[in-house]
All heavy atoms as atom14 arrays in JSON, in Angstrom:
{
  "sequence": "LAALWWGSLSTIGFLVVPMLFARLGNPAVAGNFAAQLFEAQSWIAIG",
  "atom14_mask": [
    [1, 1, 1, 1, 1, 1, 1, 1, 0, 0, 0, 0, 0, 0],
    [1, 1, 1, 1, 1, 0, 0, 0, 0, 0, 0, 0, 0, 0],
    [1, 1, 1, 1, 1, 0, 0, 0, 0, 0, 0, 0, 0, 0],
    [1, 1, 1, 1, 1, 1, 1, 1, 0, 0, 0, 0, 0, 0],
    [1, 1, 1, 1, 1, 1, 1, 1, 1, 1, 1, 1, 1, 1],
    [1, 1, 1, 1, 1, 1, 1, 1, 1, 1, 1, 1, 1, 1],
    [1, 1, 1, 1, 0, 0, 0, 0, 0, 0, 0, 0, 0, 0],
    [1, 1, 1, 1, 1, 1, 0, 0, 0, 0, 0, 0, 0, 0],
    [1, 1, 1, 1, 1, 1, 1, 1, 0, 0, 0, 0, 0, 0],
    [1, 1, 1, 1, 1, 1, 0, 0, 0, 0, 0, 0, 0, 0],
    [1, 1, 1, 1, 1, 1, 1, 0, 0, 0, 0, 0, 0, 0],
    [1, 1, 1, 1, 1, 1, 1, 1, 0, 0, 0, 0, 0, 0],
    [1, 1, 1, 1, 0, 0, 0, 0, 0, 0, 0, 0, 0, 0],
    [1, 1, 1, 1, 1, 1, 1, 1, 1, 1, 1, 0, 0, 0],
    [1, 1, 1, 1, 1, 1, 1, 1, 0, 0, 0, 0, 0, 0],
    [1, 1, 1, 1, 1, 1, 1, 0, 0, 0, 0, 0, 0, 0],
    [1, 1, 1, 1, 1, 1, 1, 0, 0, 0, 0, 0, 0, 0],
    [1, 1, 1, 1, 1, 1, 1, 0, 0, 0, 0, 0, 0, 0],
    [1, 1, 1, 1, 1, 1, 1, 1, 0, 0, 0, 0, 0, 0],
    [1, 1, 1, 1, 1, 1, 1, 1, 0, 0, 0, 0, 0, 0],
    [1, 1, 1, 1, 1, 1, 1, 1, 1, 1, 1, 0, 0, 0],
    [1, 1, 1, 1, 1, 0, 0, 0, 0, 0, 0, 0, 0, 0],
    [1, 1, 1, 1, 1, 1, 1, 1, 1, 1, 1, 0, 0, 0],
    [1, 1, 1, 1, 1, 1, 1, 1, 0, 0, 0, 0, 0, 0],
    [1, 1, 1, 1, 0, 0, 0, 0, 0, 0, 0, 0, 0, 0],
    [1, 1, 1, 1, 1, 1, 1, 1, 0, 0, 0, 0, 0, 0],
    [1, 1, 1, 1, 1, 1, 1, 0, 0, 0, 0, 0, 0, 0],
    [1, 1, 1, 1, 1, 0, 0, 0, 0, 0, 0, 0, 0, 0],
    [1, 1, 1, 1, 1, 1, 1, 0, 0, 0, 0, 0, 0, 0],
    [1, 1, 1, 1, 1, 0, 0, 0, 0, 0, 0, 0, 0, 0],
    [1, 1, 1, 1, 0, 0, 0, 0, 0, 0, 0, 0, 0, 0],
    [1, 1, 1, 1, 1, 1, 1, 1, 0, 0, 0, 0, 0, 0],
    [1, 1, 1, 1, 1, 1, 1, 1, 1, 1, 1, 0, 0, 0],
    [1, 1, 1, 1, 1, 0, 0, 0, 0, 0, 0, 0, 0, 0],
    [1, 1, 1, 1, 1, 0, 0, 0, 0, 0, 0, 0, 0, 0],
    [1, 1, 1, 1, 1, 1, 1, 1, 1, 0, 0, 0, 0, 0],
    [1, 1, 1, 1, 1, 1, 1, 1, 0, 0, 0, 0, 0, 0],
    [1, 1, 1, 1, 1, 1, 1, 1, 1, 1, 1, 0, 0, 0],
    [1, 1, 1, 1, 1, 1, 1, 1, 1, 0, 0, 0, 0, 0],
    [1, 1, 1, 1, 1, 0, 0, 0, 0, 0, 0, 0, 0, 0],
    [1, 1, 1, 1, 1, 1, 1, 1, 1, 0, 0, 0, 0, 0],
    [1, 1, 1, 1, 1, 1, 0, 0, 0, 0, 0, 0, 0, 0],
    [1, 1, 1, 1, 1, 1, 1, 1, 1, 1, 1, 1, 1, 1],
    [1, 1, 1, 1, 1, 1, 1, 1, 0, 0, 0, 0, 0, 0],
    [1, 1, 1, 1, 1, 0, 0, 0, 0, 0, 0, 0, 0, 0],
    [1, 1, 1, 1, 1, 1, 1, 1, 0, 0, 0, 0, 0, 0],
    [1, 1, 1, 1, 0, 0, 0, 0, 0, 0, 0, 0, 0, 0]
  ],
  "atom14_positions": [
    [[56.28, 37.72, 37.43], [57.05, 38.74, 38.16], [57.82, 39.64, 37.19], [57.88, 40.85, 37.39], [58.01, 38.07, 39.14], [57.37, 37.52, 40.39], [58.38, 36.69, 41.19], [56.81, 38.63, 41.25], [0.0, 0.0, 0.0], [0.0, 0.0, 0.0], [0.0, 0.0, 0.0], [0.0, 0.0, 0.0], [0.0, 0.0, 0.0], [0.0, 0.0, 0.0]],
    [[58.38, 39.04, 36.15], [59.08, 39.85, 35.14], [58.1, 40.79, 34.45], [58.42, 41.95, 34.18], [59.78, 38.95, 34.13], [0.0, 0.0, 0.0], [0.0, 0.0, 0.0], [0.0, 0.0, 0.0], [0.0, 0.0, 0.0], [0.0, 0.0, 0.0], [0.0, 0.0, 0.0], [0.0, 0.0, 0.0], [0.0, 0.0, 0.0], [0.0, 0.0, 0.0]],
    [[56.89, 40.29, 34.18], [55.86, 41.13, 33.54], [55.42, 42.25, 34.48], [55.22, 43.39, 34.04], [54.67, 40.27, 33.14], [0.0, 0.0, 0.0], [0.0, 0.0, 0.0], [0.0, 0.0, 0.0], [0.0, 0.0, 0.0], [0.0, 0.0, 0.0], [0.0, 0.0, 0.0], [0.0, 0.0, 0.0], [0.0, 0.0, 0.0], [0.0, 0.0, 0.0]],
    [[55.28, 41.95, 35.76], [54.92, 42.98, 36.74], [55.99, 44.06, 36.8], [55.68, 45.26, 36.78], [54.73, 42.36, 38.13], [54.56, 43.34, 39.29], [53.27, 44.14, 39.14], [54.6, 42.6, 40.62], [0.0, 0.0, 0.0], [0.0, 0.0, 0.0], [0.0, 0.0, 0.0], [0.0, 0.0, 0.0], [0.0, 0.0, 0.0], [0.0, 0.0, 0.0]],
    [[57.24, 43.65, 36.83], [58.36, 44.58, 36.91], [58.37, 45.5, 35.69], [58.37, 46.72, 35.8], [59.66, 43.8, 37.01], [60.88, 44.59, 37.34], [61.0, 45.95, 37.48], [62.18, 44.05, 37.57], [62.3, 46.27, 37.78], [63.04, 45.12, 37.84], [62.7, 42.77, 37.57], [64.4, 44.95, 38.11], [64.05, 42.6, 37.85], [64.88, 43.68, 38.12]],
    [[58.37, 44.91, 34.49], [58.42, 45.7, 33.28], [57.16, 46.54, 33.1], [57.23, 47.71, 32.72], [58.64, 44.8, 32.06], [58.77, 45.58, 30.8], [59.88, 46.24, 30.37], [57.75, 45.79, 29.83], [59.6, 46.84, 29.17], [58.31, 46.59, 28.82], [56.43, 45.38, 29.71], [57.6, 47.0, 27.7], [55.71, 45.79, 28.61], [56.29, 46.58, 27.62]],
    [[56.01, 45.95, 33.41], [54.76, 46.69, 33.27], [54.65, 47.87, 34.21], [54.17, 48.94, 33.84], [0.0, 0.0, 0.0], [0.0, 0.0, 0.0], [0.0, 0.0, 0.0], [0.0, 0.0, 0.0], [0.0, 0.0, 0.0], [0.0, 0.0, 0.0], [0.0, 0.0, 0.0], [0.0, 0.0, 0.0], [0.0, 0.0, 0.0], [0.0, 0.0, 0.0]],
    [[55.13, 47.7, 35.43], [55.07, 48.82, 36.38], [56.05, 49.92, 35.99], [55.74, 51.1, 36.1], [55.34, 48.32, 37.81], [56.63, 47.78, 37.93], [0.0, 0.0, 0.0], [0.0, 0.0, 0.0], [0.0, 0.0, 0.0], [0.0, 0.0, 0.0], [0.0, 0.0, 0.0], [0.0, 0.0, 0.0], [0.0, 0.0, 0.0], [0.0, 0.0, 0.0]],
    [[57.22, 49.54, 35.49], [58.16, 50.54, 34.98], [57.53, 51.33, 33.83], [57.63, 52.55, 33.77], [59.45, 49.87, 34.49], [60.46, 49.44, 35.54], [61.48, 48.48, 34.93], [61.16, 50.63, 36.15], [0.0, 0.0, 0.0], [0.0, 0.0, 0.0], [0.0, 0.0, 0.0], [0.0, 0.0, 0.0], [0.0, 0.0, 0.0], [0.0, 0.0, 0.0]],
    [[56.89, 50.61, 32.92], [56.26, 51.24, 31.75], [55.14, 52.17, 32.17], [55.06, 53.32, 31.71], [55.72, 50.18, 30.79], [56.75, 49.35, 30.33], [0.0, 0.0, 0.0], [0.0, 0.0, 0.0], [0.0, 0.0, 0.0], [0.0, 0.0, 0.0], [0.0, 0.0, 0.0], [0.0, 0.0, 0.0], [0.0, 0.0, 0.0], [0.0, 0.0, 0.0]],
    [[54.27, 51.7, 33.04], [53.11, 52.48, 33.45], [53.5, 53.73, 34.22], [53.02, 54.83, 33.92], [52.17, 51.61, 34.3], [51.8, 50.45, 33.53], [50.92, 52.37, 34.69], [0.0, 0.0, 0.0], [0.0, 0.0, 0.0], [0.0, 0.0, 0.0], [0.0, 0.0, 0.0], [0.0, 0.0, 0.0], [0.0, 0.0, 0.0], [0.0, 0.0, 0.0]],
    [[54.36, 53.57, 35.2], [54.74, 54.72, 36.02], [55.59, 55.71, 35.23], [55.32, 56.91, 35.21], [55.45, 54.26, 37.31], [54.45, 53.58, 38.23], [56.12, 55.43, 38.02], [55.04, 52.91, 39.45], [0.0, 0.0, 0.0], [0.0, 0.0, 0.0], [0.0, 0.0, 0.0], [0.0, 0.0, 0.0], [0.0, 0.0, 0.0], [0.0, 0.0, 0.0]],
    [[56.62, 55.2, 34.56], [57.57, 56.09, 33.91], [57.09, 56.74, 32.63], [57.47, 57.86, 32.32], [0.0, 0.0, 0.0], [0.0, 0.0, 0.0], [0.0, 0.0, 0.0], [0.0, 0.0, 0.0], [0.0, 0.0, 0.0], [0.0, 0.0, 0.0], [0.0, 0.0, 0.0], [0.0, 0.0, 0.0], [0.0, 0.0, 0.0], [0.0, 0.0, 0.0]],
    [[56.24, 56.04, 31.89], [55.86, 56.55, 30.57], [54.41, 57.0, 30.48], [54.02, 57.56, 29.46], [56.15, 55.5, 29.5], [57.59, 55.09, 29.46], [57.97, 53.79, 29.71], [58.59, 56.01, 29.19], [59.31, 53.4, 29.68], [59.93, 55.65, 29.16], [60.29, 54.34, 29.41], [0.0, 0.0, 0.0], [0.0, 0.0, 0.0], [0.0, 0.0, 0.0]],
    [[53.64, 56.78, 31.53], [52.23, 57.18, 31.49], [51.86, 58.06, 32.69], [51.48, 59.21, 32.52], [51.33, 55.94, 31.45], [49.83, 56.2, 31.41], [49.44, 56.87, 30.1], [49.07, 54.91, 31.6], [0.0, 0.0, 0.0], [0.0, 0.0, 0.0], [0.0, 0.0, 0.0], [0.0, 0.0, 0.0], [0.0, 0.0, 0.0], [0.0, 0.0, 0.0]],
    [[52.02, 57.54, 33.89], [51.52, 58.23, 35.08], [52.31, 59.51, 35.39], [51.72, 60.57, 35.57], [51.52, 57.27, 36.31], [51.11, 58.02, 37.56], [50.6, 56.09, 36.05], [0.0, 0.0, 0.0], [0.0, 0.0, 0.0], [0.0, 0.0, 0.0], [0.0, 0.0, 0.0], [0.0, 0.0, 0.0], [0.0, 0.0, 0.0], [0.0, 0.0, 0.0]],
    [[53.63, 59.41, 35.45], [54.42, 60.6, 35.79], [54.29, 61.71, 34.74], [54.08, 62.87, 35.12], [55.89, 60.22, 36.07], [56.78, 61.45, 36.16], [55.97, 59.42, 37.37], [0.0, 0.0, 0.0], [0.0, 0.0, 0.0], [0.0, 0.0, 0.0], [0.0, 0.0, 0.0], [0.0, 0.0, 0.0], [0.0, 0.0, 0.0], [0.0, 0.0, 0.0]],
    [[54.37, 61.41, 33.45], [54.13, 62.49, 32.49], [52.75, 63.12, 32.63], [52.59, 64.34, 32.48], [54.3, 61.81, 31.13], [55.2, 60.66, 31.39], [54.84, 60.19, 32.77], [0.0, 0.0, 0.0], [0.0, 0.0, 0.0], [0.0, 0.0, 0.0], [0.0, 0.0, 0.0], [0.0, 0.0, 0.0], [0.0, 0.0, 0.0], [0.0, 0.0, 0.0]],
    [[51.74, 62.31, 32.97], [50.4, 62.86, 33.17], [50.34, 63.76, 34.39], [49.63, 64.77, 34.39], [49.36, 61.74, 33.29], [49.01, 61.11, 31.96], [47.77, 59.83, 32.1], [46.35, 60.79, 32.52], [0.0, 0.0, 0.0], [0.0, 0.0, 0.0], [0.0, 0.0, 0.0], [0.0, 0.0, 0.0], [0.0, 0.0, 0.0], [0.0, 0.0, 0.0]],
    [[51.08, 63.41, 35.44], [51.13, 64.27, 36.63], [51.61, 65.66, 36.26], [51.01, 66.67, 36.64], [52.07, 63.69, 37.68], [51.58, 62.52, 38.52], [52.72, 62.02, 39.41], [50.39, 62.9, 39.35], [0.0, 0.0, 0.0], [0.0, 0.0, 0.0], [0.0, 0.0, 0.0], [0.0, 0.0, 0.0], [0.0, 0.0, 0.0], [0.0, 0.0, 0.0]],
    [[52.7, 65.72, 35.52], [53.25, 67.02, 35.16], [52.35, 67.77, 34.18], [52.27, 69.0, 34.23], [54.67, 66.87, 34.59], [55.69, 66.64, 35.66], [56.07, 65.35, 36.03], [56.27, 67.71, 36.31], [57.0, 65.14, 37.02], [57.21, 67.51, 37.32], [57.57, 66.22, 37.68], [0.0, 0.0, 0.0], [0.0, 0.0, 0.0], [0.0, 0.0, 0.0]],
    [[51.66, 67.05, 33.33], [50.77, 67.71, 32.36], [49.48, 68.2, 33.01], [48.95, 69.24, 32.63], [50.43, 66.73, 31.23], [0.0, 0.0, 0.0], [0.0, 0.0, 0.0], [0.0, 0.0, 0.0], [0.0, 0.0, 0.0], [0.0, 0.0, 0.0], [0.0, 0.0, 0.0], [0.0, 0.0, 0.0], [0.0, 0.0, 0.0], [0.0, 0.0, 0.0]],
    [[48.98, 67.49, 34.0], [47.66, 67.8, 34.55], [47.66, 68.61, 35.84], [46.72, 69.34, 36.12], [46.87, 66.52, 34.79], [46.68, 65.68, 33.56], [45.61, 66.24, 32.7], [45.38, 65.33, 31.57], [45.12, 65.75, 30.37], [45.04, 67.02, 30.11], [44.93, 64.9, 29.4], [0.0, 0.0, 0.0], [0.0, 0.0, 0.0], [0.0, 0.0, 0.0]],
    [[48.68, 68.47, 36.66], [48.66, 69.15, 37.96], [48.98, 70.63, 37.86], [48.56, 71.41, 38.71], [49.61, 68.47, 38.95], [49.13, 67.11, 39.48], [50.14, 66.54, 40.46], [47.77, 67.21, 40.13], [0.0, 0.0, 0.0], [0.0, 0.0, 0.0], [0.0, 0.0, 0.0], [0.0, 0.0, 0.0], [0.0, 0.0, 0.0], [0.0, 0.0, 0.0]],
    [[49.73, 71.01, 36.86], [50.01, 72.43, 36.67], [51.12, 72.98, 37.53], [51.78, 73.93, 37.15], [0.0, 0.0, 0.0], [0.0, 0.0, 0.0], [0.0, 0.0, 0.0], [0.0, 0.0, 0.0], [0.0, 0.0, 0.0], [0.0, 0.0, 0.0], [0.0, 0.0, 0.0], [0.0, 0.0, 0.0], [0.0, 0.0, 0.0], [0.0, 0.0, 0.0]],
    [[51.37, 72.41, 38.67], [52.42, 72.86, 39.57], [53.55, 71.82, 39.55], [53.4, 70.73, 40.1], [51.86, 73.02, 40.99], [52.87, 73.58, 41.96], [54.07, 73.53, 41.71], [52.37, 74.12, 43.06], [0.0, 0.0, 0.0], [0.0, 0.0, 0.0], [0.0, 0.0, 0.0], [0.0, 0.0, 0.0], [0.0, 0.0, 0.0], [0.0, 0.0, 0.0]],
    [[54.7, 72.15, 38.95], [55.79, 71.17, 38.85], [56.29, 70.67, 40.2], [56.7, 69.52, 40.31], [56.89, 71.92, 38.11], [56.2, 73.04, 37.41], [55.02, 73.39, 38.25], [0.0, 0.0, 0.0], [0.0, 0.0, 0.0], [0.0, 0.0, 0.0], [0.0, 0.0, 0.0], [0.0, 0.0, 0.0], [0.0, 0.0, 0.0], [0.0, 0.0, 0.0]],
    [[56.25, 71.51, 41.23], [56.73, 71.08, 42.55], [55.82, 69.99, 43.12], [56.3, 68.99, 43.67], [56.8, 72.26, 43.51], [0.0, 0.0, 0.0], [0.0, 0.0, 0.0], [0.0, 0.0, 0.0], [0.0, 0.0, 0.0], [0.0, 0.0, 0.0], [0.0, 0.0, 0.0], [0.0, 0.0, 0.0], [0.0, 0.0, 0.0], [0.0, 0.0, 0.0]],
    [[54.52, 70.17, 42.99], [53.57, 69.16, 43.48], [53.7, 67.88, 42.66], [53.76, 66.78, 43.21], [52.13, 69.71, 43.44], [51.12, 68.62, 43.78], [51.98, 70.89, 44.38], [0.0, 0.0, 0.0], [0.0, 0.0, 0.0], [0.0, 0.0, 0.0], [0.0, 0.0, 0.0], [0.0, 0.0, 0.0], [0.0, 0.0, 0.0], [0.0, 0.0, 0.0]],
    [[53.76, 68.02, 41.34], [53.91, 66.85, 40.47], [55.21, 66.12, 40.78], [55.24, 64.88, 40.81], [53.86, 67.27, 39.01], [0.0, 0.0, 0.0], [0.0, 0.0, 0.0], [0.0, 0.0, 0.0], [0.0, 0.0, 0.0], [0.0, 0.0, 0.0], [0.0, 0.0, 0.0], [0.0, 0.0, 0.0], [0.0, 0.0, 0.0], [0.0, 0.0, 0.0]],
    [[56.28, 66.88, 41.02], [57.56, 66.26, 41.34], [57.53, 65.47, 42.64], [58.13, 64.4, 42.73], [0.0, 0.0, 0.0], [0.0, 0.0, 0.0], [0.0, 0.0, 0.0], [0.0, 0.0, 0.0], [0.0, 0.0, 0.0], [0.0, 0.0, 0.0], [0.0, 0.0, 0.0], [0.0, 0.0, 0.0], [0.0, 0.0, 0.0], [0.0, 0.0, 0.0]],
    [[56.82, 65.99, 43.64], [56.7, 65.26, 44.9], [55.93, 63.95, 44.72], [56.32, 62.91, 45.26], [56.04, 66.13, 45.96], [56.96, 67.2, 46.49], [58.17, 67.05, 46.46], [56.4, 68.31, 46.95], [0.0, 0.0, 0.0], [0.0, 0.0, 0.0], [0.0, 0.0, 0.0], [0.0, 0.0, 0.0], [0.0, 0.0, 0.0], [0.0, 0.0, 0.0]],
    [[54.84, 64.01, 43.96], [54.1, 62.78, 43.67], [54.96, 61.8, 42.88], [54.97, 60.6, 43.15], [52.82, 63.08, 42.9], [51.67, 63.51, 43.75], [51.05, 64.73, 43.54], [51.18, 62.69, 44.76], [49.99, 65.14, 44.31], [50.12, 63.09, 45.55], [49.52, 64.32, 45.32], [0.0, 0.0, 0.0], [0.0, 0.0, 0.0], [0.0, 0.0, 0.0]],
    [[55.67, 62.32, 41.88], [56.53, 61.47, 41.06], [57.59, 60.79, 41.91], [57.87, 59.59, 41.72], [57.17, 62.3, 39.94], [0.0, 0.0, 0.0], [0.0, 0.0, 0.0], [0.0, 0.0, 0.0], [0.0, 0.0, 0.0], [0.0, 0.0, 0.0], [0.0, 0.0, 0.0], [0.0, 0.0, 0.0], [0.0, 0.0, 0.0], [0.0, 0.0, 0.0]],
    [[58.19, 61.52, 42.84], [59.21, 60.94, 43.71], [58.64, 59.78, 44.52], [59.29, 58.74, 44.68], [59.78, 62.01, 44.64], [0.0, 0.0, 0.0], [0.0, 0.0, 0.0], [0.0, 0.0, 0.0], [0.0, 0.0, 0.0], [0.0, 0.0, 0.0], [0.0, 0.0, 0.0], [0.0, 0.0, 0.0], [0.0, 0.0, 0.0], [0.0, 0.0, 0.0]],
    [[57.41, 59.93, 45.01], [56.78, 58.85, 45.78], [56.49, 57.65, 44.89], [56.67, 56.49, 45.3], [55.5, 59.37, 46.43], [55.76, 60.37, 47.53], [54.47, 60.98, 48.07], [53.41, 60.4, 47.96], [54.59, 62.17, 48.65], [0.0, 0.0, 0.0], [0.0, 0.0, 0.0], [0.0, 0.0, 0.0], [0.0, 0.0, 0.0], [0.0, 0.0, 0.0]],
    [[56.05, 57.91, 43.67], [55.77, 56.81, 42.73], [57.06, 56.06, 42.36], [57.08, 54.83, 42.29], [55.08, 57.33, 41.48], [53.64, 57.76, 41.65], [53.15, 58.5, 40.41], [52.76, 56.55, 41.94], [0.0, 0.0, 0.0], [0.0, 0.0, 0.0], [0.0, 0.0, 0.0], [0.0, 0.0, 0.0], [0.0, 0.0, 0.0], [0.0, 0.0, 0.0]],
    [[58.12, 56.82, 42.12], [59.39, 56.17, 41.77], [59.96, 55.39, 42.96], [60.6, 54.35, 42.76], [60.4, 57.21, 41.26], [60.11, 57.67, 39.87], [60.07, 59.02, 39.57], [59.88, 56.77, 38.84], [59.81, 59.46, 38.28], [59.61, 57.19, 37.54], [59.58, 58.55, 37.26], [0.0, 0.0, 0.0], [0.0, 0.0, 0.0], [0.0, 0.0, 0.0]],
    [[59.72, 55.86, 44.17], [60.15, 55.08, 45.34], [59.38, 53.77, 45.42], [59.96, 52.7, 45.65], [59.95, 55.88, 46.63], [60.41, 55.12, 47.85], [60.26, 55.9, 49.15], [59.71, 57.01, 49.13], [60.71, 55.38, 50.18], [0.0, 0.0, 0.0], [0.0, 0.0, 0.0], [0.0, 0.0, 0.0], [0.0, 0.0, 0.0], [0.0, 0.0, 0.0]],
    [[58.08, 53.83, 45.21], [57.28, 52.6, 45.21], [57.75, 51.67, 44.09], [57.84, 50.44, 44.29], [55.79, 52.93, 45.04], [0.0, 0.0, 0.0], [0.0, 0.0, 0.0], [0.0, 0.0, 0.0], [0.0, 0.0, 0.0], [0.0, 0.0, 0.0], [0.0, 0.0, 0.0], [0.0, 0.0, 0.0], [0.0, 0.0, 0.0], [0.0, 0.0, 0.0]],
    [[58.07, 52.24, 42.94], [58.57, 51.45, 41.82], [59.89, 50.77, 42.18], [60.12, 49.63, 41.81], [58.75, 52.33, 40.58], [59.44, 51.65, 39.42], [58.75, 50.38, 38.98], [57.55, 50.38, 38.78], [59.49, 49.31, 38.86], [0.0, 0.0, 0.0], [0.0, 0.0, 0.0], [0.0, 0.0, 0.0], [0.0, 0.0, 0.0], [0.0, 0.0, 0.0]],
    [[60.72, 51.46, 42.92], [61.99, 50.86, 43.35], [61.75, 49.64, 44.22], [62.45, 48.63, 44.09], [62.84, 51.88, 44.1], [63.27, 52.89, 43.23], [0.0, 0.0, 0.0], [0.0, 0.0, 0.0], [0.0, 0.0, 0.0], [0.0, 0.0, 0.0], [0.0, 0.0, 0.0], [0.0, 0.0, 0.0], [0.0, 0.0, 0.0], [0.0, 0.0, 0.0]],
    [[60.77, 49.71, 45.1], [60.45, 48.55, 45.95], [59.89, 47.4, 45.14], [60.18, 46.22, 45.42], [59.51, 48.95, 47.09], [60.26, 49.71, 48.14], [60.17, 51.05, 48.4], [61.25, 49.2, 49.01], [61.05, 51.39, 49.4], [61.73, 50.28, 49.8], [61.8, 47.94, 49.23], [62.72, 50.12, 50.76], [62.79, 47.78, 50.19], [63.23, 48.86, 50.95]],
    [[59.1, 47.71, 44.12], [58.61, 46.64, 43.21], [59.81, 46.0, 42.52], [59.9, 44.77, 42.43], [57.61, 47.22, 42.19], [56.32, 47.62, 42.88], [57.34, 46.2, 41.07], [55.37, 48.41, 42.0], [0.0, 0.0, 0.0], [0.0, 0.0, 0.0], [0.0, 0.0, 0.0], [0.0, 0.0, 0.0], [0.0, 0.0, 0.0], [0.0, 0.0, 0.0]],
    [[60.73, 46.82, 42.03], [61.92, 46.31, 41.35], [62.76, 45.43, 42.28], [63.22, 44.35, 41.88], [62.76, 47.46, 40.82], [0.0, 0.0, 0.0], [0.0, 0.0, 0.0], [0.0, 0.0, 0.0], [0.0, 0.0, 0.0], [0.0, 0.0, 0.0], [0.0, 0.0, 0.0], [0.0, 0.0, 0.0], [0.0, 0.0, 0.0], [0.0, 0.0, 0.0]],
    [[62.95, 45.89, 43.5], [63.75, 45.12, 44.46], [63.08, 43.78, 44.76], [63.73, 42.73, 44.75], [63.99, 45.93, 45.74], [64.93, 47.11, 45.43], [64.56, 45.06, 46.86], [64.97, 48.17, 46.52], [0.0, 0.0, 0.0], [0.0, 0.0, 0.0], [0.0, 0.0, 0.0], [0.0, 0.0, 0.0], [0.0, 0.0, 0.0], [0.0, 0.0, 0.0]],
    [[61.78, 43.81, 45.02], [61.07, 42.56, 45.31], [61.09, 41.59, 44.15], [61.45, 40.41, 44.3], [0.0, 0.0, 0.0], [0.0, 0.0, 0.0], [0.0, 0.0, 0.0], [0.0, 0.0, 0.0], [0.0, 0.0, 0.0], [0.0, 0.0, 0.0], [0.0, 0.0, 0.0], [0.0, 0.0, 0.0], [0.0, 0.0, 0.0], [0.0, 0.0, 0.0]]
  ]
}
């Protein structure tokens, strides 16, 4: 569980979200996706 928590934080925060902003081209769209990913990450953290 500790590995899942840290790994999901690492993957979402340092890989997926930066890629969204680099690849989608539209910061508003990338920001909306990022917000949803960070919300899911919060639920992983809480669990």
